[in-house]
PDB file of N, CA and C in Angstrom:
ATOM      1  N   MET A   1       0.822  -1.194   0.000  1.00  0.00           N
ATOM      2  CA  MET A   1       0.000   0.000   0.000  1.00  0.00           C
ATOM      3  C   MET A   1       0.863   1.253   0.000  1.00  0.00           C
ATOM      4  N   ARG A   2       1.980   1.211   0.728  1.00  0.00           N
ATOM      5  CA  ARG A   2       2.851   2.384   0.778  1.00  0.00           C
ATOM      6  C   ARG A   2       3.396   2.720  -0.596  1.00  0.00           C
ATOM      7  N   ILE A   3       3.843   1.704  -1.306  1.00  0.00           N
ATOM      8  CA  ILE A   3       4.438   1.937  -2.614  1.00  0.00           C
ATOM      9  C   ILE A   3       3.403   2.501  -3.570  1.00  0.00           C
ATOM     10  N   SER A   4       2.189   1.953  -3.554  1.00  0.00           N
ATOM     11  CA  SER A   4       1.172   2.449  -4.481  1.00  0.00           C
ATOM     12  C   SER A   4       0.772   3.876  -4.135  1.00  0.00           C
ATOM     13  N   THR A   5       0.704   4.210  -2.842  1.00  0.00           N
ATOM     14  CA  THR A   5       0.365   5.576  -2.450  1.00  0.00           C
ATOM     15  C   THR A   5       1.427   6.546  -2.934  1.00  0.00           C
ATOM     16  N   ALA A   6       2.688   6.200  -2.700  1.00  0.00           N
ATOM     17  CA  ALA A   6       3.770   7.081  -3.138  1.00  0.00           C
ATOM     18  C   ALA A   6       3.804   7.181  -4.657  1.00  0.00           C
ATOM     19  N   SER A   7       3.546   6.067  -5.337  1.00  0.00           N
ATOM     20  CA  SER A   7       3.536   6.083  -6.795  1.00  0.00           C
ATOM     21  C   SER A   7       2.449   6.992  -7.330  1.00  0.00           C
ATOM     22  N   VAL A   8       1.283   6.957  -6.698  1.00  0.00           N
ATOM     23  CA  VAL A   8       0.186   7.833  -7.117  1.00  0.00           C
ATOM     24  C   VAL A   8       0.582   9.290  -6.895  1.00  0.00           C
ATOM     25  N   ILE A   9       1.205   9.562  -5.766  1.00  0.00           N
ATOM     26  CA  ILE A   9       1.638  10.933  -5.487  1.00  0.00           C
ATOM     27  C   ILE A   9       2.650  11.385  -6.521  1.00  0.00           C
ATOM     28  N   ILE A  10       3.628  10.538  -6.798  1.00  0.00           N
ATOM     29  CA  ILE A  10       4.654  10.895  -7.775  1.00  0.00           C
ATOM     30  C   ILE A  10       4.037  11.064  -9.159  1.00  0.00           C
ATOM     31  N   ALA A  11       3.144  10.155  -9.526  1.00  0.00           N
ATOM     32  CA  ALA A  11       2.484  10.263 -10.836  1.00  0.00           C
ATOM     33  C   ALA A  11       1.666  11.540 -10.915  1.00  0.00           C
ATOM     34  N   ALA A  12       0.972  11.879  -9.847  1.00  0.00           N
ATOM     35  CA  ALA A  12       0.163  13.097  -9.857  1.00  0.00           C
ATOM     36  C   ALA A  12       1.046  14.324  -9.995  1.00  0.00           C
ATOM     37  N   LEU A  13       2.175  14.309  -9.314  1.00  0.00           N
ATOM     38  CA  LEU A  13       3.098  15.437  -9.425  1.00  0.00           C
ATOM     39  C   LEU A  13       3.636  15.538 -10.841  1.00  0.00           C
ATOM     40  N   SER A  14       4.027  14.391 -11.405  1.00  0.00           N
ATOM     41  CA  SER A  14       4.563  14.388 -12.757  1.00  0.00           C
ATOM     42  C   SER A  14       3.527  14.828 -13.781  1.00  0.00           C
ATOM     43  N   LEU A  15       2.311  14.335 -13.652  1.00  0.00           N
ATOM     44  CA  LEU A  15       1.256  14.694 -14.602  1.00  0.00           C
ATOM     45  C   LEU A  15       0.755  16.112 -14.376  1.00  0.00           C
ATOM     46  N   GLY A  16       0.792  16.562 -13.155  1.00  0.00           N
ATOM     47  CA  GLY A  16       0.275  17.885 -12.840  1.00  0.00           C
ATOM     48  C   GLY A  16       1.190  19.005 -13.281  1.00  0.00           C
ATOM     49  N   THR A  17       2.464  18.749 -13.408  1.00  0.00           N
ATOM     50  CA  THR A  17       3.412  19.795 -13.753  1.00  0.00           C
ATOM     51  C   THR A  17       3.119  20.444 -15.097  1.00  0.00           C
ATOM     52  N   PRO A  18       2.936  19.669 -16.172  1.00  0.00           N
ATOM     53  CA  PRO A  18       2.619  20.325 -17.441  1.00  0.00           C
ATOM     54  C   PRO A  18       1.319  21.125 -17.357  1.00  0.00           C
ATOM     55  N   ALA A  19       0.369  20.601 -16.609  1.00  0.00           N
ATOM     56  CA  ALA A  19      -0.890  21.328 -16.461  1.00  0.00           C
ATOM     57  C   ALA A  19      -0.659  22.640 -15.718  1.00  0.00           C
ATOM     58  N   PHE A  20       0.210  22.624 -14.727  1.00  0.00           N
ATOM     59  CA  PHE A  20       0.521  23.848 -13.985  1.00  0.00           C
ATOM     60  C   PHE A  20       1.158  24.870 -14.909  1.00  0.00           C
ATOM     61  N   VAL A  21       2.129  24.427 -15.692  1.00  0.00           N
ATOM     62  CA  VAL A  21       2.792  25.335 -16.630  1.00  0.00           C
ATOM     63  C   VAL A  21       1.782  25.881 -17.625  1.00  0.00           C
ATOM     64  N   GLN A  22       0.919  25.013 -18.127  1.00  0.00           N
ATOM     65  CA  GLN A  22      -0.091  25.440 -19.087  1.00  0.00           C
ATOM     66  C   GLN A  22      -1.036  26.453 -18.457  1.00  0.00           C
ATOM     67  N   ALA A  23      -1.402  26.247 -17.206  1.00  0.00           N
ATOM     68  CA  ALA A  23      -2.312  27.171 -16.529  1.00  0.00           C
ATOM     69  C   ALA A  23      -1.669  28.538 -16.337  1.00  0.00           C
ATOM     70  N   GLN A  24      -0.347  28.572 -16.251  1.00  0.00           N
ATOM     71  CA  GLN A  24       0.353  29.834 -16.038  1.00  0.00           C
ATOM     72  C   GLN A  24       0.499  30.646 -17.332  1.00  0.00           C
ATOM     73  N   GLU A  25       0.399  29.972 -18.469  1.00  0.00           N
ATOM     74  CA  GLU A  25       0.537  30.666 -19.748  1.00  0.00           C
ATOM     75  C   GLU A  25      -0.751  31.414 -20.071  1.00  0.00           C
ATOM     76  N   ALA A  26      -0.602  32.589 -20.615  1.00  0.00           N
ATOM     77  CA  ALA A  26      -1.787  33.356 -21.025  1.00  0.00           C
ATOM     78  C   ALA A  26      -2.229  32.846 -22.390  1.00  0.00           C
ATOM     79  N   GLN A  27      -3.382  32.217 -22.430  1.00  0.00           N
ATOM     80  CA  GLN A  27      -3.898  31.694 -23.677  1.00  0.00           C
ATOM     81  C   GLN A  27      -5.251  32.338 -23.953  1.00  0.00           C
ATOM     82  N   PRO A  28      -5.376  33.041 -25.068  1.00  0.00           N
ATOM     83  CA  PRO A  28      -6.634  33.707 -25.357  1.00  0.00           C
ATOM     84  C   PRO A  28      -7.796  32.740 -25.547  1.00  0.00           C
ATOM     85  N   LYS A  29      -7.546  31.535 -26.054  1.00  0.00           N
ATOM     86  CA  LYS A  29      -8.608  30.568 -26.286  1.00  0.00           C
ATOM     87  C   LYS A  29      -8.465  29.421 -25.292  1.00  0.00           C
ATOM     88  N   ALA A  30      -8.912  29.632 -24.091  1.00  0.00           N
ATOM     89  CA  ALA A  30      -8.837  28.582 -23.073  1.00  0.00           C
ATOM     90  C   ALA A  30      -9.870  27.510 -23.374  1.00  0.00           C
ATOM     91  N   GLN A  31      -9.480  26.277 -23.179  1.00  0.00           N
ATOM     92  CA  GLN A  31     -10.400  25.171 -23.406  1.00  0.00           C
ATOM     93  C   GLN A  31     -11.236  24.969 -22.153  1.00  0.00           C
ATOM     94  N   ALA A  32     -12.488  24.638 -22.354  1.00  0.00           N
ATOM     95  CA  ALA A  32     -13.362  24.352 -21.215  1.00  0.00           C
ATOM     96  C   ALA A  32     -12.956  23.023 -20.603  1.00  0.00           C
ATOM     97  N   GLN A  33     -12.974  22.985 -19.268  1.00  0.00           N
ATOM     98  CA  GLN A  33     -12.627  21.757 -18.576  1.00  0.00           C
ATOM     99  C   GLN A  33     -13.786  21.341 -17.693  1.00  0.00           C
ATOM    100  N   THR A  34     -13.933  20.052 -17.556  1.00  0.00           N
ATOM    101  CA  THR A  34     -14.950  19.557 -16.637  1.00  0.00           C
ATOM    102  C   THR A  34     -14.405  19.651 -15.221  1.00  0.00           C
ATOM    103  N   PRO A  35     -15.262  19.649 -14.210  1.00  0.00           N
ATOM    104  CA  PRO A  35     -14.778  19.719 -12.835  1.00  0.00           C
ATOM    105  C   PRO A  35     -13.757  18.642 -12.488  1.00  0.00           C
ATOM    106  N   SER A  36     -13.917  17.427 -13.008  1.00  0.00           N
ATOM    107  CA  SER A  36     -12.952  16.371 -12.704  1.00  0.00           C
ATOM    108  C   SER A  36     -11.601  16.655 -13.349  1.00  0.00           C
ATOM    109  N   ASP A  37     -11.585  17.304 -14.519  1.00  0.00           N
ATOM    110  CA  ASP A  37     -10.335  17.675 -15.161  1.00  0.00           C
ATOM    111  C   ASP A  37      -9.616  18.734 -14.338  1.00  0.00           C
ATOM    112  N   GLN A  38     -10.362  19.647 -13.770  1.00  0.00           N
ATOM    113  CA  GLN A  38      -9.756  20.745 -13.033  1.00  0.00           C
ATOM    114  C   GLN A  38      -9.062  20.271 -11.768  1.00  0.00           C
ATOM    115  N   SER A  39      -9.495  19.180 -11.171  1.00  0.00           N
ATOM    116  CA  SER A  39      -8.865  18.703  -9.949  1.00  0.00           C
ATOM    117  C   SER A  39      -7.455  18.174 -10.220  1.00  0.00           C
ATOM    118  N   ALA A  40      -7.152  17.792 -11.463  1.00  0.00           N
ATOM    119  CA  ALA A  40      -5.831  17.297 -11.809  1.00  0.00           C
ATOM    120  C   ALA A  40      -4.872  18.423 -12.195  1.00  0.00           C
ATOM    121  N   VAL A  41      -5.372  19.617 -12.378  1.00  0.00           N
ATOM    122  CA  VAL A  41      -4.559  20.753 -12.779  1.00  0.00           C
ATOM    123  C   VAL A  41      -3.991  21.422 -11.532  1.00  0.00           C
ATOM    124  N   ILE A  42      -2.684  21.590 -11.514  1.00  0.00           N
ATOM    125  CA  ILE A  42      -2.056  22.277 -10.385  1.00  0.00           C
ATOM    126  C   ILE A  42      -2.006  23.756 -10.721  1.00  0.00           C
ATOM    127  N   ARG A  43      -2.769  24.535  -9.970  1.00  0.00           N
ATOM    128  CA  ARG A  43      -2.833  25.971 -10.205  1.00  0.00           C
ATOM    129  C   ARG A  43      -1.963  26.756  -9.235  1.00  0.00           C
ATOM    130  N   SER A  44      -1.644  26.175  -8.098  1.00  0.00           N
ATOM    131  CA  SER A  44      -0.774  26.858  -7.142  1.00  0.00           C
ATOM    132  C   SER A  44      -0.029  25.841  -6.304  1.00  0.00           C
ATOM    133  N   ILE A  45       1.031  26.319  -5.688  1.00  0.00           N
ATOM    134  CA  ILE A  45       1.877  25.467  -4.855  1.00  0.00           C
ATOM    135  C   ILE A  45       2.028  26.125  -3.496  1.00  0.00           C
ATOM    136  N   GLN A  46       1.858  25.322  -2.461  1.00  0.00           N
ATOM    137  CA  GLN A  46       2.065  25.787  -1.097  1.00  0.00           C
ATOM    138  C   GLN A  46       3.175  24.956  -0.466  1.00  0.00           C
ATOM    139  N   VAL A  47       3.945  25.605   0.388  1.00  0.00           N
ATOM    140  CA  VAL A  47       4.963  24.905   1.156  1.00  0.00           C
ATOM    141  C   VAL A  47       4.621  25.114   2.620  1.00  0.00           C
ATOM    142  N   VAL A  48       4.490  24.022   3.349  1.00  0.00           N
ATOM    143  CA  VAL A  48       4.111  24.095   4.754  1.00  0.00           C
ATOM    144  C   VAL A  48       5.172  23.393   5.589  1.00  0.00           C
ATOM    145  N   ASN A  49       5.679  24.094   6.594  1.00  0.00           N
ATOM    146  CA  ASN A  49       6.585  23.470   7.551  1.00  0.00           C
ATOM    147  C   ASN A  49       5.708  22.748   8.564  1.00  0.00           C
ATOM    148  N   ILE A  50       5.948  21.458   8.751  1.00  0.00           N
ATOM    149  CA  ILE A  50       5.059  20.717   9.633  1.00  0.00           C
ATOM    150  C   ILE A  50       5.121  21.214  11.075  1.00  0.00           C
ATOM    151  N   LYS A  51       6.181  21.933  11.429  1.00  0.00           N
ATOM    152  CA  LYS A  51       6.269  22.520  12.772  1.00  0.00           C
ATOM    153  C   LYS A  51       5.188  23.572  12.995  1.00  0.00           C
ATOM    154  N   ASP A  52       4.682  24.148  11.920  1.00  0.00           N
ATOM    155  CA  ASP A  52       3.667  25.198  12.012  1.00  0.00           C
ATOM    156  C   ASP A  52       2.248  24.652  12.105  1.00  0.00           C
ATOM    157  N   LEU A  53       2.091  23.343  12.052  1.00  0.00           N
ATOM    158  CA  LEU A  53       0.772  22.728  12.076  1.00  0.00           C
ATOM    159  C   LEU A  53       0.383  22.322  13.498  1.00  0.00           C
ATOM    160  N   LYS A  54      -0.908  22.098  13.678  1.00  0.00           N
ATOM    161  CA  LYS A  54      -1.396  21.607  14.968  1.00  0.00           C
ATOM    162  C   LYS A  54      -0.806  20.223  15.222  1.00  0.00           C
ATOM    163  N   PRO A  55      -0.585  19.885  16.491  1.00  0.00           N
ATOM    164  CA  PRO A  55       0.032  18.592  16.825  1.00  0.00           C
ATOM    165  C   PRO A  55      -0.664  17.378  16.206  1.00  0.00           C
ATOM    166  N   GLU A  56      -2.000  17.389  16.153  1.00  0.00           N
ATOM    167  CA  GLU A  56      -2.691  16.230  15.584  1.00  0.00           C
ATOM    168  C   GLU A  56      -2.446  16.103  14.081  1.00  0.00           C
ATOM    169  N   VAL A  57      -2.296  17.220  13.391  1.00  0.00           N
ATOM    170  CA  VAL A  57      -2.000  17.189  11.962  1.00  0.00           C
ATOM    171  C   VAL A  57      -0.550  16.775  11.750  1.00  0.00           C
ATOM    172  N   GLN A  58       0.345  17.292  12.590  1.00  0.00           N
ATOM    173  CA  GLN A  58       1.756  16.897  12.525  1.00  0.00           C
ATOM    174  C   GLN A  58       1.899  15.385  12.637  1.00  0.00           C
ATOM    175  N   SER A  59       1.184  14.800  13.599  1.00  0.00           N
ATOM    176  CA  SER A  59       1.311  13.355  13.810  1.00  0.00           C
ATOM    177  C   SER A  59       0.794  12.562  12.613  1.00  0.00           C
ATOM    178  N   LYS A  60      -0.261  13.046  11.962  1.00  0.00           N
ATOM    179  CA  LYS A  60      -0.777  12.362  10.774  1.00  0.00           C
ATOM    180  C   LYS A  60       0.258  12.390   9.645  1.00  0.00           C
ATOM    181  N   ILE A  61       0.869  13.542   9.438  1.00  0.00           N
ATOM    182  CA  ILE A  61       1.864  13.668   8.370  1.00  0.00           C
ATOM    183  C   ILE A  61       3.093  12.829   8.692  1.00  0.00           C
ATOM    184  N   GLU A  62       3.533  12.860   9.936  1.00  0.00           N
ATOM    185  CA  GLU A  62       4.696  12.058  10.323  1.00  0.00           C
ATOM    186  C   GLU A  62       4.408  10.569  10.202  1.00  0.00           C
ATOM    187  N   LYS A  63       3.167  10.160  10.454  1.00  0.00           N
ATOM    188  CA  LYS A  63       2.796   8.758  10.298  1.00  0.00           C
ATOM    189  C   LYS A  63       2.904   8.344   8.832  1.00  0.00           C
ATOM    190  N   VAL A  64       2.366   9.180   7.940  1.00  0.00           N
ATOM    191  CA  VAL A  64       2.457   8.893   6.502  1.00  0.00           C
ATOM    192  C   VAL A  64       3.918   8.851   6.075  1.00  0.00           C
ATOM    193  N   ALA A  65       4.697   9.817   6.536  1.00  0.00           N
ATOM    194  CA  ALA A  65       6.116   9.881   6.165  1.00  0.00           C
ATOM    195  C   ALA A  65       6.866   8.651   6.666  1.00  0.00           C
ATOM    196  N   SER A  66       6.552   8.175   7.861  1.00  0.00           N
ATOM    197  CA  SER A  66       7.248   7.011   8.414  1.00  0.00           C
ATOM    198  C   SER A  66       6.921   5.732   7.648  1.00  0.00           C
ATOM    199  N   GLN A  67       5.794   5.707   6.959  1.00  0.00           N
ATOM    200  CA  GLN A  67       5.383   4.534   6.196  1.00  0.00           C
ATOM    201  C   GLN A  67       5.876   4.577   4.746  1.00  0.00           C
ATOM    202  N   THR A  68       6.558   5.644   4.392  1.00  0.00           N
ATOM    203  CA  THR A  68       7.059   5.808   3.035  1.00  0.00           C
ATOM    204  C   THR A  68       8.504   5.337   2.972  1.00  0.00           C
ATOM    205  N   SER A  69       8.819   4.521   1.992  1.00  0.00           N
ATOM    206  CA  SER A  69      10.184   3.990   1.870  1.00  0.00           C
ATOM    207  C   SER A  69      11.144   5.090   1.409  1.00  0.00           C
ATOM    208  N   GLU A  70      12.408   4.865   1.687  1.00  0.00           N
ATOM    209  CA  GLU A  70      13.440   5.816   1.252  1.00  0.00           C
ATOM    210  C   GLU A  70      13.465   5.933  -0.271  1.00  0.00           C
ATOM    211  N   ASP A  71      13.249   4.828  -0.964  1.00  0.00           N
ATOM    212  CA  ASP A  71      13.223   4.864  -2.432  1.00  0.00           C
ATOM    213  C   ASP A  71      12.088   5.742  -2.936  1.00  0.00           C
ATOM    214  N   ASP A  72      10.913   5.622  -2.308  1.00  0.00           N
ATOM    215  CA  ASP A  72       9.771   6.445  -2.709  1.00  0.00           C
ATOM    216  C   ASP A  72      10.039   7.917  -2.419  1.00  0.00           C
ATOM    217  N   LEU A  73      10.636   8.212  -1.266  1.00  0.00           N
ATOM    218  CA  LEU A  73      10.971   9.606  -0.948  1.00  0.00           C
ATOM    219  C   LEU A  73      11.996  10.156  -1.928  1.00  0.00           C
ATOM    220  N   ARG A  74      13.004   9.336  -2.255  1.00  0.00           N
ATOM    221  CA  ARG A  74      14.018   9.772  -3.215  1.00  0.00           C
ATOM    222  C   ARG A  74      13.381  10.072  -4.564  1.00  0.00           C
ATOM    223  N   SER A  75      12.456   9.221  -4.984  1.00  0.00           N
ATOM    224  CA  SER A  75      11.767   9.427  -6.259  1.00  0.00           C
ATOM    225  C   SER A  75      10.900  10.688  -6.221  1.00  0.00           C
ATOM    226  N   LEU A  76      10.188  10.876  -5.124  1.00  0.00           N
ATOM    227  CA  LEU A  76       9.369  12.081  -4.962  1.00  0.00           C
ATOM    228  C   LEU A  76      10.237  13.334  -5.026  1.00  0.00           C
ATOM    229  N   ARG A  77      11.343  13.314  -4.311  1.00  0.00           N
ATOM    230  CA  ARG A  77      12.238  14.482  -4.273  1.00  0.00           C
ATOM    231  C   ARG A  77      12.863  14.748  -5.633  1.00  0.00           C
ATOM    232  N   SER A  78      13.154  13.702  -6.382  1.00  0.00           N
ATOM    233  CA  SER A  78      13.671  13.877  -7.744  1.00  0.00           C
ATOM    234  C   SER A  78      12.627  14.541  -8.632  1.00  0.00           C
ATOM    235  N   SER A  79      11.368  14.128  -8.470  1.00  0.00           N
ATOM    236  CA  SER A  79      10.289  14.738  -9.240  1.00  0.00           C
ATOM    237  C   SER A  79      10.141  16.214  -8.893  1.00  0.00           C
ATOM    238  N   ILE A  80      10.267  16.529  -7.616  1.00  0.00           N
ATOM    239  CA  ILE A  80      10.181  17.932  -7.189  1.00  0.00           C
ATOM    240  C   ILE A  80      11.315  18.735  -7.806  1.00  0.00           C
ATOM    241  N   ASP A  81      12.551  18.185  -7.735  1.00  0.00           N
ATOM    242  CA  ASP A  81      13.702  18.887  -8.309  1.00  0.00           C
ATOM    243  C   ASP A  81      13.567  19.082  -9.813  1.00  0.00           C
ATOM    244  N   ALA A  82      12.880  18.162 -10.473  1.00  0.00           N
ATOM    245  CA  ALA A  82      12.696  18.244 -11.925  1.00  0.00           C
ATOM    246  C   ALA A  82      11.547  19.176 -12.304  1.00  0.00           C
ATOM    247  N   THR A  83      10.862  19.705 -11.310  1.00  0.00           N
ATOM    248  CA  THR A  83       9.736  20.606 -11.547  1.00  0.00           C
ATOM    249  C   THR A  83      10.135  22.005 -11.102  1.00  0.00           C
ATOM    250  N   PRO A  84      10.490  22.881 -12.036  1.00  0.00           N
ATOM    251  CA  PRO A  84      11.003  24.203 -11.664  1.00  0.00           C
ATOM    252  C   PRO A  84      10.089  24.987 -10.718  1.00  0.00           C
ATOM    253  N   GLU A  85       8.777  24.895 -10.924  1.00  0.00           N
ATOM    254  CA  GLU A  85       7.859  25.658 -10.072  1.00  0.00           C
ATOM    255  C   GLU A  85       7.896  25.161  -8.632  1.00  0.00           C
ATOM    256  N   ALA A  86       7.959  23.836  -8.463  1.00  0.00           N
ATOM    257  CA  ALA A  86       8.002  23.252  -7.116  1.00  0.00           C
ATOM    258  C   ALA A  86       9.326  23.578  -6.435  1.00  0.00           C
ATOM    259  N   ALA A  87      10.426  23.444  -7.163  1.00  0.00           N
ATOM    260  CA  ALA A  87      11.737  23.753  -6.601  1.00  0.00           C
ATOM    261  C   ALA A  87      11.831  25.231  -6.215  1.00  0.00           C
ATOM    262  N   ALA A  88      11.268  26.105  -7.045  1.00  0.00           N
ATOM    263  CA  ALA A  88      11.293  27.547  -6.755  1.00  0.00           C
ATOM    264  C   ALA A  88      10.456  27.884  -5.524  1.00  0.00           C
ATOM    265  N   ALA A  89       9.327  27.207  -5.365  1.00  0.00           N
ATOM    266  CA  ALA A  89       8.481  27.457  -4.184  1.00  0.00           C
ATOM    267  C   ALA A  89       9.219  27.075  -2.909  1.00  0.00           C
ATOM    268  N   LEU A  90       9.942  25.971  -2.958  1.00  0.00           N
ATOM    269  CA  LEU A  90      10.729  25.569  -1.792  1.00  0.00           C
ATOM    270  C   LEU A  90      11.858  26.560  -1.527  1.00  0.00           C
ATOM    271  N   LYS A  91      12.545  26.937  -2.585  1.00  0.00           N
ATOM    272  CA  LYS A  91      13.669  27.872  -2.447  1.00  0.00           C
ATOM    273  C   LYS A  91      13.209  29.205  -1.861  1.00  0.00           C
ATOM    274  N   ALA A  92      12.027  29.654  -2.254  1.00  0.00           N
ATOM    275  CA  ALA A  92      11.487  30.916  -1.741  1.00  0.00           C
ATOM    276  C   ALA A  92      11.280  30.866  -0.231  1.00  0.00           C
ATOM    277  N   LYS A  93      11.091  29.663   0.308  1.00  0.00           N
ATOM    278  CA  LYS A  93      10.903  29.480   1.752  1.00  0.00           C
ATOM    279  C   LYS A  93      12.216  29.114   2.445  1.00  0.00           C
ATOM    280  N   GLY A  94      13.315  29.107   1.675  1.00  0.00           N
ATOM    281  CA  GLY A  94      14.611  28.738   2.242  1.00  0.00           C
ATOM    282  C   GLY A  94      14.755  27.245   2.474  1.00  0.00           C
ATOM    283  N   LEU A  95      14.013  26.449   1.701  1.00  0.00           N
ATOM    284  CA  LEU A  95      14.022  24.997   1.851  1.00  0.00           C
ATOM    285  C   LEU A  95      14.457  24.333   0.558  1.00  0.00           C
ATOM    286  N   ASN A  96      14.638  23.010   0.621  1.00  0.00           N
ATOM    287  CA  ASN A  96      14.922  22.245  -0.588  1.00  0.00           C
ATOM    288  C   ASN A  96      14.189  20.923  -0.530  1.00  0.00           C
ATOM    289  N   SER A  97      14.245  20.179  -1.610  1.00  0.00           N
ATOM    290  CA  SER A  97      13.439  18.952  -1.717  1.00  0.00           C
ATOM    291  C   SER A  97      13.815  17.901  -0.675  1.00  0.00           C
ATOM    292  N   SER A  98      15.030  17.929  -0.169  1.00  0.00           N
ATOM    293  CA  SER A  98      15.424  16.935   0.823  1.00  0.00           C
ATOM    294  C   SER A  98      14.655  17.088   2.130  1.00  0.00           C
ATOM    295  N   GLN A  99      13.995  18.218   2.317  1.00  0.00           N
ATOM    296  CA  GLN A  99      13.224  18.459   3.527  1.00  0.00           C
ATOM    297  C   GLN A  99      11.745  18.107   3.358  1.00  0.00           C
ATOM    298  N   VAL A 100      11.324  17.772   2.143  1.00  0.00           N
ATOM    299  CA  VAL A 100       9.931  17.413   1.888  1.00  0.00           C
ATOM    300  C   VAL A 100       9.707  15.977   2.344  1.00  0.00           C
ATOM    301  N   VAL A 101       8.700  15.795   3.204  1.00  0.00           N
ATOM    302  CA  VAL A 101       8.393  14.463   3.715  1.00  0.00           C
ATOM    303  C   VAL A 101       7.075  13.928   3.167  1.00  0.00           C
ATOM    304  N   ALA A 102       6.238  14.804   2.624  1.00  0.00           N
ATOM    305  CA  ALA A 102       4.953  14.386   2.058  1.00  0.00           C
ATOM    306  C   ALA A 102       4.410  15.505   1.189  1.00  0.00           C
ATOM    307  N   ILE A 103       3.514  15.125   0.279  1.00  0.00           N
ATOM    308  CA  ILE A 103       2.811  16.125  -0.516  1.00  0.00           C
ATOM    309  C   ILE A 103       1.340  15.758  -0.558  1.00  0.00           C
ATOM    310  N   ASN A 104       0.537  16.739  -0.937  1.00  0.00           N
ATOM    311  CA  ASN A 104      -0.887  16.514  -1.145  1.00  0.00           C
ATOM    312  C   ASN A 104      -1.309  17.356  -2.343  1.00  0.00           C
ATOM    313  N   ILE A 105      -2.146  16.798  -3.173  1.00  0.00           N
ATOM    314  CA  ILE A 105      -2.702  17.543  -4.303  1.00  0.00           C
ATOM    315  C   ILE A 105      -4.212  17.493  -4.174  1.00  0.00           C
ATOM    316  N   ALA A 106      -4.818  18.652  -3.991  1.00  0.00           N
ATOM    317  CA  ALA A 106      -6.277  18.732  -3.853  1.00  0.00           C
ATOM    318  C   ALA A 106      -6.758  20.066  -4.393  1.00  0.00           C
ATOM    319  N   ASP A 107      -7.830  20.029  -5.160  1.00  0.00           N
ATOM    320  CA  ASP A 107      -8.452  21.236  -5.704  1.00  0.00           C
ATOM    321  C   ASP A 107      -7.455  22.141  -6.416  1.00  0.00           C
ATOM    322  N   GLY A 108      -6.536  21.536  -7.145  1.00  0.00           N
ATOM    323  CA  GLY A 108      -5.572  22.307  -7.924  1.00  0.00           C
ATOM    324  C   GLY A 108      -4.430  22.892  -7.126  1.00  0.00           C
ATOM    325  N   VAL A 109      -4.296  22.497  -5.860  1.00  0.00           N
ATOM    326  CA  VAL A 109      -3.227  23.029  -5.013  1.00  0.00           C
ATOM    327  C   VAL A 109      -2.277  21.894  -4.637  1.00  0.00           C
ATOM    328  N   LEU A 110      -1.012  22.049  -4.998  1.00  0.00           N
ATOM    329  CA  LEU A 110       0.029  21.131  -4.571  1.00  0.00           C
ATOM    330  C   LEU A 110       0.572  21.669  -3.258  1.00  0.00           C
ATOM    331  N   THR A 111       0.447  20.887  -2.201  1.00  0.00           N
ATOM    332  CA  THR A 111       0.995  21.272  -0.905  1.00  0.00           C
ATOM    333  C   THR A 111       2.155  20.354  -0.597  1.00  0.00           C
ATOM    334  N   MET A 112       3.316  20.942  -0.367  1.00  0.00           N
ATOM    335  CA  MET A 112       4.496  20.171   0.012  1.00  0.00           C
ATOM    336  C   MET A 112       4.732  20.398   1.500  1.00  0.00           C
ATOM    337  N   PHE A 113       4.823  19.305   2.237  1.00  0.00           N
ATOM    338  CA  PHE A 113       5.050  19.369   3.675  1.00  0.00           C
ATOM    339  C   PHE A 113       6.536  19.128   3.935  1.00  0.00           C
ATOM    340  N   ALA A 114       7.174  20.101   4.553  1.00  0.00           N
ATOM    341  CA  ALA A 114       8.592  20.037   4.820  1.00  0.00           C
ATOM    342  C   ALA A 114       8.858  19.917   6.307  1.00  0.00           C
ATOM    343  N   LYS A 115       9.920  19.202   6.610  1.00  0.00           N
ATOM    344  CA  LYS A 115      10.325  19.029   8.002  1.00  0.00           C
ATOM    345  C   LYS A 115      11.729  19.601   8.136  1.00  0.00           C
ATOM    346  N   THR A 116      11.855  20.554   9.033  1.00  0.00           N
ATOM    347  CA  THR A 116      13.162  21.160   9.280  1.00  0.00           C
ATOM    348  C   THR A 116      13.704  20.632  10.594  1.00  0.00           C
ATOM    349  N   ALA A 117      15.016  20.703  10.727  1.00  0.00           N
ATOM    350  CA  ALA A 117      15.673  20.157  11.939  1.00  0.00           C
ATOM    351  C   ALA A 117      15.268  20.824  13.218  1.00  0.00           C
TER     352      ALA A 117
END
């Protein structure tokens, strides 16, 4: 289950990146999208330090992170590094992909959860 969850996350990040770039381009003839299509489009990126979250939310994220293999984390971090928008969002917060322990994609928002020392 851990591998499939991480794979889905990585696949969503990989598939969402072109959509994010496309959403950022000014196109005079925008194509209509169905609501289900819009949920796969990444329109914004958030970076959250898990230290800033409520303790119960922190524990949920740490539980997910503890169940993720090092290979899956390495793959996720490689995907983040290969995505200029995601890497820039982390850099703007003074962070890098090695500090990302989990991500979530919902309603067009990619949220990267980072853990600092």
